[in-house]
């Protein structure tokens, strides 16, 4: 853990809560929601990266192509804190 990691976790949680209706970010929550610096738990997605069949256009704007498919088949971004 570092200050940058804690900051990224907070950004990911805020971004997911704000945009969860769009279905672009992997669901996440803090292990203990009362502690902002606690461990972030995120739904696992199988990485696919850029340019794979059925990858939506918005995925090319995700840093380093960190997108994948959820267990339900949705394409979601993961590790999107920065």
PDB file of N, CA and C in Angstrom:
ATOM      1  N   UNK A   1       0.844  -1.185   0.000  1.00  0.00           N
ATOM      2  CA  UNK A   1       0.000   0.000   0.000  1.00  0.00           C
ATOM      3  C   UNK A   1       0.881   1.238   0.000  1.00  0.00           C
ATOM      4  N   UNK A   2       0.444   2.193  -0.773  1.00  0.00           N
ATOM      5  CA  UNK A   2       1.125   3.481  -0.812  1.00  0.00           C
ATOM      6  C   UNK A   2       0.051   4.566  -0.888  1.00  0.00           C
ATOM      7  N   UNK A   3       0.475   5.806  -0.769  1.00  0.00           N
ATOM      8  CA  UNK A   3      -0.488   6.903  -0.883  1.00  0.00           C
ATOM      9  C   UNK A   3      -1.151   6.896  -2.260  1.00  0.00           C
ATOM     10  N   UNK A   4      -0.364   6.601  -3.299  1.00  0.00           N
ATOM     11  CA  UNK A   4      -0.920   6.550  -4.660  1.00  0.00           C
ATOM     12  C   UNK A   4      -1.958   5.428  -4.775  1.00  0.00           C
ATOM     13  N   UNK A   5      -1.676   4.287  -4.182  1.00  0.00           N
ATOM     14  CA  UNK A   5      -2.615   3.167  -4.221  1.00  0.00           C
ATOM     15  C   UNK A   5      -3.904   3.476  -3.480  1.00  0.00           C
ATOM     16  N   UNK A   6      -3.790   4.104  -2.325  1.00  0.00           N
ATOM     17  CA  UNK A   6      -4.974   4.487  -1.553  1.00  0.00           C
ATOM     18  C   UNK A   6      -5.802   5.489  -2.345  1.00  0.00           C
ATOM     19  N   UNK A   7      -5.121   6.444  -2.977  1.00  0.00           N
ATOM     20  CA  UNK A   7      -5.803   7.448  -3.791  1.00  0.00           C
ATOM     21  C   UNK A   7      -6.513   6.791  -4.979  1.00  0.00           C
ATOM     22  N   UNK A   8      -5.831   5.879  -5.667  1.00  0.00           N
ATOM     23  CA  UNK A   8      -6.443   5.174  -6.795  1.00  0.00           C
ATOM     24  C   UNK A   8      -7.673   4.380  -6.353  1.00  0.00           C
ATOM     25  N   UNK A   9      -7.583   3.717  -5.205  1.00  0.00           N
ATOM     26  CA  UNK A   9      -8.733   2.963  -4.691  1.00  0.00           C
ATOM     27  C   UNK A   9      -9.924   3.878  -4.461  1.00  0.00           C
ATOM     28  N   UNK A  10      -9.667   5.045  -3.875  1.00  0.00           N
ATOM     29  CA  UNK A  10     -10.746   5.988  -3.616  1.00  0.00           C
ATOM     30  C   UNK A  10     -11.355   6.490  -4.928  1.00  0.00           C
ATOM     31  N   UNK A  11     -10.517   6.798  -5.901  1.00  0.00           N
ATOM     32  CA  UNK A  11     -11.001   7.255  -7.208  1.00  0.00           C
ATOM     33  C   UNK A  11     -11.852   6.176  -7.871  1.00  0.00           C
ATOM     34  N   UNK A  12     -11.398   4.924  -7.808  1.00  0.00           N
ATOM     35  CA  UNK A  12     -12.153   3.825  -8.415  1.00  0.00           C
ATOM     36  C   UNK A  12     -13.523   3.680  -7.765  1.00  0.00           C
ATOM     37  N   UNK A  13     -13.558   3.766  -6.457  1.00  0.00           N
ATOM     38  CA  UNK A  13     -14.834   3.623  -5.746  1.00  0.00           C
ATOM     39  C   UNK A  13     -15.779   4.764  -6.104  1.00  0.00           C
ATOM     40  N   UNK A  14     -15.276   5.978  -6.113  1.00  0.00           N
ATOM     41  CA  UNK A  14     -16.101   7.146  -6.448  1.00  0.00           C
ATOM     42  C   UNK A  14     -16.602   7.041  -7.884  1.00  0.00           C
ATOM     43  N   UNK A  15     -15.703   6.689  -8.802  1.00  0.00           N
ATOM     44  CA  UNK A  15     -16.086   6.590 -10.213  1.00  0.00           C
ATOM     45  C   UNK A  15     -17.150   5.509 -10.417  1.00  0.00           C
ATOM     46  N   UNK A  16     -16.971   4.364  -9.779  1.00  0.00           N
ATOM     47  CA  UNK A  16     -17.970   3.303  -9.918  1.00  0.00           C
ATOM     48  C   UNK A  16     -19.327   3.763  -9.381  1.00  0.00           C
ATOM     49  N   UNK A  17     -19.339   4.365  -8.210  1.00  0.00           N
ATOM     50  CA  UNK A  17     -20.613   4.798  -7.618  1.00  0.00           C
ATOM     51  C   UNK A  17     -21.307   5.838  -8.491  1.00  0.00           C
ATOM     52  N   UNK A  18     -20.517   6.724  -9.099  1.00  0.00           N
ATOM     53  CA  UNK A  18     -21.087   7.781  -9.928  1.00  0.00           C
ATOM     54  C   UNK A  18     -21.628   7.251 -11.257  1.00  0.00           C
ATOM     55  N   UNK A  19     -20.921   6.297 -11.858  1.00  0.00           N
ATOM     56  CA  UNK A  19     -21.238   5.853 -13.217  1.00  0.00           C
ATOM     57  C   UNK A  19     -21.735   4.412 -13.313  1.00  0.00           C
ATOM     58  N   UNK A  20     -22.103   3.796 -12.220  1.00  0.00           N
ATOM     59  CA  UNK A  20     -22.459   2.370 -12.260  1.00  0.00           C
ATOM     60  C   UNK A  20     -23.624   2.064 -13.187  1.00  0.00           C
ATOM     61  N   UNK A  21     -24.498   3.003 -13.427  1.00  0.00           N
ATOM     62  CA  UNK A  21     -25.623   2.776 -14.324  1.00  0.00           C
ATOM     63  C   UNK A  21     -25.216   2.608 -15.781  1.00  0.00           C
ATOM     64  N   UNK A  22     -24.009   3.049 -16.135  1.00  0.00           N
ATOM     65  CA  UNK A  22     -23.535   2.913 -17.512  1.00  0.00           C
ATOM     66  C   UNK A  22     -22.964   1.537 -17.804  1.00  0.00           C
ATOM     67  N   UNK A  23     -22.628   0.780 -16.772  1.00  0.00           N
ATOM     68  CA  UNK A  23     -22.112  -0.565 -16.969  1.00  0.00           C
ATOM     69  C   UNK A  23     -20.742  -0.625 -17.606  1.00  0.00           C
ATOM     70  N   UNK A  24     -19.889   0.374 -17.329  1.00  0.00           N
ATOM     71  CA  UNK A  24     -18.548   0.381 -17.912  1.00  0.00           C
ATOM     72  C   UNK A  24     -17.453   0.027 -16.915  1.00  0.00           C
ATOM     73  N   UNK A  25     -17.743   0.119 -15.651  1.00  0.00           N
ATOM     74  CA  UNK A  25     -16.726  -0.118 -14.631  1.00  0.00           C
ATOM     75  C   UNK A  25     -17.074  -1.353 -13.808  1.00  0.00           C
ATOM     76  N   UNK A  26     -16.054  -2.130 -13.498  1.00  0.00           N
ATOM     77  CA  UNK A  26     -16.267  -3.307 -12.665  1.00  0.00           C
ATOM     78  C   UNK A  26     -16.759  -2.866 -11.285  1.00  0.00           C
ATOM     79  N   UNK A  27     -17.794  -3.517 -10.762  1.00  0.00           N
ATOM     80  CA  UNK A  27     -18.293  -3.168  -9.439  1.00  0.00           C
ATOM     81  C   UNK A  27     -17.200  -3.299  -8.383  1.00  0.00           C
ATOM     82  N   UNK A  28     -17.210  -2.360  -7.444  1.00  0.00           N
ATOM     83  CA  UNK A  28     -16.226  -2.409  -6.362  1.00  0.00           C
ATOM     84  C   UNK A  28     -16.816  -1.792  -5.106  1.00  0.00           C
ATOM     85  N   UNK A  29     -16.196  -2.113  -4.003  1.00  0.00           N
ATOM     86  CA  UNK A  29     -16.580  -1.555  -2.708  1.00  0.00           C
ATOM     87  C   UNK A  29     -15.383  -1.674  -1.781  1.00  0.00           C
ATOM     88  N   UNK A  30     -15.381  -0.855  -0.745  1.00  0.00           N
ATOM     89  CA  UNK A  30     -14.355  -1.004   0.272  1.00  0.00           C
ATOM     90  C   UNK A  30     -14.745  -2.144   1.194  1.00  0.00           C
ATOM     91  N   UNK A  31     -13.760  -2.894   1.646  1.00  0.00           N
ATOM     92  CA  UNK A  31     -14.021  -3.999   2.555  1.00  0.00           C
ATOM     93  C   UNK A  31     -14.802  -3.484   3.760  1.00  0.00           C
ATOM     94  N   UNK A  32     -14.409  -2.321   4.253  1.00  0.00           N
ATOM     95  CA  UNK A  32     -15.137  -1.642   5.312  1.00  0.00           C
ATOM     96  C   UNK A  32     -15.472  -0.255   4.783  1.00  0.00           C
ATOM     97  N   UNK A  33     -16.703  -0.034   4.353  1.00  0.00           N
ATOM     98  CA  UNK A  33     -17.088   1.219   3.709  1.00  0.00           C
ATOM     99  C   UNK A  33     -16.838   2.450   4.581  1.00  0.00           C
ATOM    100  N   UNK A  34     -16.740   2.279   5.890  1.00  0.00           N
ATOM    101  CA  UNK A  34     -16.501   3.427   6.774  1.00  0.00           C
ATOM    102  C   UNK A  34     -15.045   3.876   6.747  1.00  0.00           C
ATOM    103  N   UNK A  35     -14.163   3.017   6.246  1.00  0.00           N
ATOM    104  CA  UNK A  35     -12.738   3.343   6.194  1.00  0.00           C
ATOM    105  C   UNK A  35     -12.328   3.525   4.744  1.00  0.00           C
ATOM    106  N   UNK A  36     -12.174   4.765   4.335  1.00  0.00           N
ATOM    107  CA  UNK A  36     -11.851   5.042   2.930  1.00  0.00           C
ATOM    108  C   UNK A  36     -10.506   4.475   2.500  1.00  0.00           C
ATOM    109  N   UNK A  37      -9.611   4.296   3.411  1.00  0.00           N
ATOM    110  CA  UNK A  37      -8.295   3.787   3.044  1.00  0.00           C
ATOM    111  C   UNK A  37      -8.184   2.280   3.129  1.00  0.00           C
ATOM    112  N   UNK A  38      -9.302   1.621   3.359  1.00  0.00           N
ATOM    113  CA  UNK A  38      -9.247   0.171   3.507  1.00  0.00           C
ATOM    114  C   UNK A  38      -9.134  -0.516   2.152  1.00  0.00           C
ATOM    115  N   UNK A  39      -9.147  -1.806   2.173  1.00  0.00           N
ATOM    116  CA  UNK A  39      -8.963  -2.624   0.976  1.00  0.00           C
ATOM    117  C   UNK A  39     -10.157  -2.504   0.043  1.00  0.00           C
ATOM    118  N   UNK A  40      -9.869  -2.310  -1.236  1.00  0.00           N
ATOM    119  CA  UNK A  40     -10.913  -2.240  -2.250  1.00  0.00           C
ATOM    120  C   UNK A  40     -11.133  -3.636  -2.816  1.00  0.00           C
ATOM    121  N   UNK A  41     -12.384  -4.061  -2.838  1.00  0.00           N
ATOM    122  CA  UNK A  41     -12.757  -5.354  -3.393  1.00  0.00           C
ATOM    123  C   UNK A  41     -13.472  -5.077  -4.707  1.00  0.00           C
ATOM    124  N   UNK A  42     -12.957  -5.655  -5.809  1.00  0.00           N
ATOM    125  CA  UNK A  42     -13.525  -5.412  -7.128  1.00  0.00           C
ATOM    126  C   UNK A  42     -13.892  -6.744  -7.767  1.00  0.00           C
ATOM    127  N   UNK A  43     -15.010  -6.738  -8.486  1.00  0.00           N
ATOM    128  CA  UNK A  43     -15.417  -7.935  -9.222  1.00  0.00           C
ATOM    129  C   UNK A  43     -14.319  -8.319 -10.212  1.00  0.00           C
ATOM    130  N   UNK A  44     -14.037  -9.593 -10.303  1.00  0.00           N
ATOM    131  CA  UNK A  44     -13.030 -10.072 -11.239  1.00  0.00           C
ATOM    132  C   UNK A  44     -13.571 -10.015 -12.658  1.00  0.00           C
ATOM    133  N   UNK A  45     -12.742  -9.541 -13.562  1.00  0.00           N
ATOM    134  CA  UNK A  45     -13.057  -9.611 -14.993  1.00  0.00           C
ATOM    135  C   UNK A  45     -11.880 -10.271 -15.695  1.00  0.00           C
ATOM    136  N   UNK A  46     -12.180 -11.070 -16.702  1.00  0.00           N
ATOM    137  CA  UNK A  46     -11.134 -11.746 -17.483  1.00  0.00           C
ATOM    138  C   UNK A  46     -10.598 -10.738 -18.500  1.00  0.00           C
ATOM    139  N   UNK A  47      -9.312 -10.354 -18.400  1.00  0.00           N
ATOM    140  CA  UNK A  47      -8.756  -9.343 -19.307  1.00  0.00           C
ATOM    141  C   UNK A  47      -8.873  -9.731 -20.776  1.00  0.00           C
ATOM    142  N   UNK A  48      -9.248  -8.736 -21.600  1.00  0.00           N
ATOM    143  CA  UNK A  48      -9.309  -8.950 -23.044  1.00  0.00           C
ATOM    144  C   UNK A  48      -8.485  -7.914 -23.806  1.00  0.00           C
ATOM    145  N   UNK A  49      -8.291  -6.729 -23.236  1.00  0.00           N
ATOM    146  CA  UNK A  49      -7.515  -5.681 -23.908  1.00  0.00           C
ATOM    147  C   UNK A  49      -8.236  -5.066 -25.085  1.00  0.00           C
ATOM    148  N   UNK A  50      -7.500  -4.277 -25.850  1.00  0.00           N
ATOM    149  CA  UNK A  50      -8.063  -3.562 -26.992  1.00  0.00           C
ATOM    150  C   UNK A  50      -8.208  -4.459 -28.206  1.00  0.00           C
ATOM    151  N   UNK A  51      -9.134  -4.089 -29.063  1.00  0.00           N
ATOM    152  CA  UNK A  51      -9.212  -4.685 -30.387  1.00  0.00           C
ATOM    153  C   UNK A  51      -9.770  -6.086 -30.472  1.00  0.00           C
ATOM    154  N   UNK A  52     -10.284  -6.617 -29.403  1.00  0.00           N
ATOM    155  CA  UNK A  52     -10.884  -7.943 -29.468  1.00  0.00           C
ATOM    156  C   UNK A  52     -12.305  -7.816 -30.018  1.00  0.00           C
ATOM    157  N   UNK A  53     -12.829  -8.871 -30.629  1.00  0.00           N
ATOM    158  CA  UNK A  53     -14.203  -8.811 -31.145  1.00  0.00           C
ATOM    159  C   UNK A  53     -15.186  -8.413 -30.038  1.00  0.00           C
ATOM    160  N   UNK A  54     -16.154  -7.611 -30.388  1.00  0.00           N
ATOM    161  CA  UNK A  54     -17.198  -7.141 -29.470  1.00  0.00           C
ATOM    162  C   UNK A  54     -16.698  -6.204 -28.379  1.00  0.00           C
ATOM    163  N   UNK A  55     -15.477  -5.673 -28.516  1.00  0.00           N
ATOM    164  CA  UNK A  55     -14.993  -4.688 -27.558  1.00  0.00           C
ATOM    165  C   UNK A  55     -15.605  -3.344 -27.926  1.00  0.00           C
ATOM    166  N   UNK A  56     -16.314  -2.698 -26.988  1.00  0.00           N
ATOM    167  CA  UNK A  56     -16.954  -1.424 -27.303  1.00  0.00           C
ATOM    168  C   UNK A  56     -15.935  -0.313 -27.566  1.00  0.00           C
ATOM    169  N   UNK A  57     -16.339   0.700 -28.331  1.00  0.00           N
ATOM    170  CA  UNK A  57     -15.446   1.806 -28.678  1.00  0.00           C
ATOM    171  C   UNK A  57     -14.892   2.522 -27.459  1.00  0.00           C
ATOM    172  N   UNK A  58     -15.687   2.659 -26.393  1.00  0.00           N
ATOM    173  CA  UNK A  58     -15.219   3.395 -25.225  1.00  0.00           C
ATOM    174  C   UNK A  58     -14.000   2.729 -24.580  1.00  0.00           C
ATOM    175  N   UNK A  59     -13.806   1.439 -24.810  1.00  0.00           N
ATOM    176  CA  UNK A  59     -12.708   0.708 -24.166  1.00  0.00           C
ATOM    177  C   UNK A  59     -11.339   1.222 -24.583  1.00  0.00           C
ATOM    178  N   UNK A  60     -11.230   1.800 -25.783  1.00  0.00           N
ATOM    179  CA  UNK A  60      -9.928   2.295 -26.234  1.00  0.00           C
ATOM    180  C   UNK A  60      -9.462   3.512 -25.433  1.00  0.00           C
ATOM    181  N   UNK A  61     -10.361   4.113 -24.657  1.00  0.00           N
ATOM    182  CA  UNK A  61      -9.999   5.263 -23.833  1.00  0.00           C
ATOM    183  C   UNK A  61      -9.600   4.871 -22.413  1.00  0.00           C
ATOM    184  N   UNK A  62      -9.671   3.589 -22.091  1.00  0.00           N
ATOM    185  CA  UNK A  62      -9.270   3.104 -20.768  1.00  0.00           C
ATOM    186  C   UNK A  62      -7.765   2.886 -20.769  1.00  0.00           C
ATOM    187  N   UNK A  63      -7.097   3.439 -19.774  1.00  0.00           N
ATOM    188  CA  UNK A  63      -5.651   3.371 -19.669  1.00  0.00           C
ATOM    189  C   UNK A  63      -5.135   1.947 -19.839  1.00  0.00           C
ATOM    190  N   UNK A  64      -4.211   1.769 -20.743  1.00  0.00           N
ATOM    191  CA  UNK A  64      -3.548   0.482 -21.004  1.00  0.00           C
ATOM    192  C   UNK A  64      -4.510  -0.635 -21.418  1.00  0.00           C
ATOM    193  N   UNK A  65      -5.693  -0.265 -21.882  1.00  0.00           N
ATOM    194  CA  UNK A  65      -6.637  -1.286 -22.341  1.00  0.00           C
ATOM    195  C   UNK A  65      -7.081  -2.231 -21.256  1.00  0.00           C
ATOM    196  N   UNK A  66      -7.179  -1.737 -20.028  1.00  0.00           N
ATOM    197  CA  UNK A  66      -7.540  -2.597 -18.905  1.00  0.00           C
ATOM    198  C   UNK A  66      -9.052  -2.817 -18.865  1.00  0.00           C
ATOM    199  N   UNK A  67      -9.506  -3.634 -19.804  1.00  0.00           N
ATOM    200  CA  UNK A  67     -10.908  -4.031 -19.873  1.00  0.00           C
ATOM    201  C   UNK A  67     -10.974  -5.548 -19.966  1.00  0.00           C
ATOM    202  N   UNK A  68     -12.104  -6.071 -19.559  1.00  0.00           N
ATOM    203  CA  UNK A  68     -12.278  -7.513 -19.617  1.00  0.00           C
ATOM    204  C   UNK A  68     -13.740  -7.860 -19.529  1.00  0.00           C
ATOM    205  N   UNK A  69     -14.029  -9.146 -19.559  1.00  0.00           N
ATOM    206  CA  UNK A  69     -15.413  -9.598 -19.480  1.00  0.00           C
ATOM    207  C   UNK A  69     -15.723 -10.127 -18.087  1.00  0.00           C
ATOM    208  N   UNK A  70     -16.918  -9.777 -17.627  1.00  0.00           N
ATOM    209  CA  UNK A  70     -17.376 -10.260 -16.327  1.00  0.00           C
ATOM    210  C   UNK A  70     -17.915 -11.669 -16.480  1.00  0.00           C
ATOM    211  N   UNK A  71     -18.282 -12.268 -15.391  1.00  0.00           N
ATOM    212  CA  UNK A  71     -18.851 -13.624 -15.461  1.00  0.00           C
ATOM    213  C   UNK A  71     -20.195 -13.626 -16.170  1.00  0.00           C
ATOM    214  N   UNK A  72     -20.793 -12.434 -16.326  1.00  0.00           N
ATOM    215  CA  UNK A  72     -22.068 -12.306 -17.030  1.00  0.00           C
ATOM    216  C   UNK A  72     -21.871 -11.927 -18.497  1.00  0.00           C
ATOM    217  N   UNK A  73     -20.613 -11.785 -18.919  1.00  0.00           N
ATOM    218  CA  UNK A  73     -20.317 -11.466 -20.307  1.00  0.00           C
ATOM    219  C   UNK A  73     -20.241  -9.981 -20.635  1.00  0.00           C
ATOM    220  N   UNK A  74     -20.402  -9.123 -19.639  1.00  0.00           N
ATOM    221  CA  UNK A  74     -20.300  -7.680 -19.862  1.00  0.00           C
ATOM    222  C   UNK A  74     -18.840  -7.273 -19.985  1.00  0.00           C
ATOM    223  N   UNK A  75     -18.557  -6.301 -20.863  1.00  0.00           N
ATOM    224  CA  UNK A  75     -17.211  -5.747 -20.962  1.00  0.00           C
ATOM    225  C   UNK A  75     -17.119  -4.612 -19.960  1.00  0.00           C
ATOM    226  N   UNK A  76     -16.132  -4.698 -19.048  1.00  0.00           N
ATOM    227  CA  UNK A  76     -15.971  -3.726 -17.975  1.00  0.00           C
ATOM    228  C   UNK A  76     -14.521  -3.300 -17.858  1.00  0.00           C
ATOM    229  N   UNK A  77     -14.316  -2.062 -17.412  1.00  0.00           N
ATOM    230  CA  UNK A  77     -12.975  -1.574 -17.107  1.00  0.00           C
ATOM    231  C   UNK A  77     -12.612  -2.005 -15.692  1.00  0.00           C
ATOM    232  N   UNK A  78     -11.331  -2.284 -15.495  1.00  0.00           N
ATOM    233  CA  UNK A  78     -10.825  -2.593 -14.159  1.00  0.00           C
ATOM    234  C   UNK A  78      -9.544  -1.779 -13.956  1.00  0.00           C
ATOM    235  N   UNK A  79      -9.141  -1.582 -12.736  1.00  0.00           N
ATOM    236  CA  UNK A  79      -7.937  -0.811 -12.404  1.00  0.00           C
ATOM    237  C   UNK A  79      -7.983   0.555 -13.097  1.00  0.00           C
ATOM    238  N   UNK A  80      -9.072   1.276 -12.860  1.00  0.00           N
ATOM    239  CA  UNK A  80      -9.331   2.533 -13.544  1.00  0.00           C
ATOM    240  C   UNK A  80      -9.139   3.743 -12.648  1.00  0.00           C
ATOM    241  N   UNK A  81      -8.283   3.618 -11.642  1.00  0.00           N
ATOM    242  CA  UNK A  81      -8.099   4.713 -10.679  1.00  0.00           C
ATOM    243  C   UNK A  81      -7.338   5.897 -11.211  1.00  0.00           C
ATOM    244  N   UNK A  82      -6.522   5.703 -12.205  1.00  0.00           N
ATOM    245  CA  UNK A  82      -5.705   6.822 -12.710  1.00  0.00           C
ATOM    246  C   UNK A  82      -6.005   7.111 -14.145  1.00  0.00           C
TER     247      UNK A  82
END
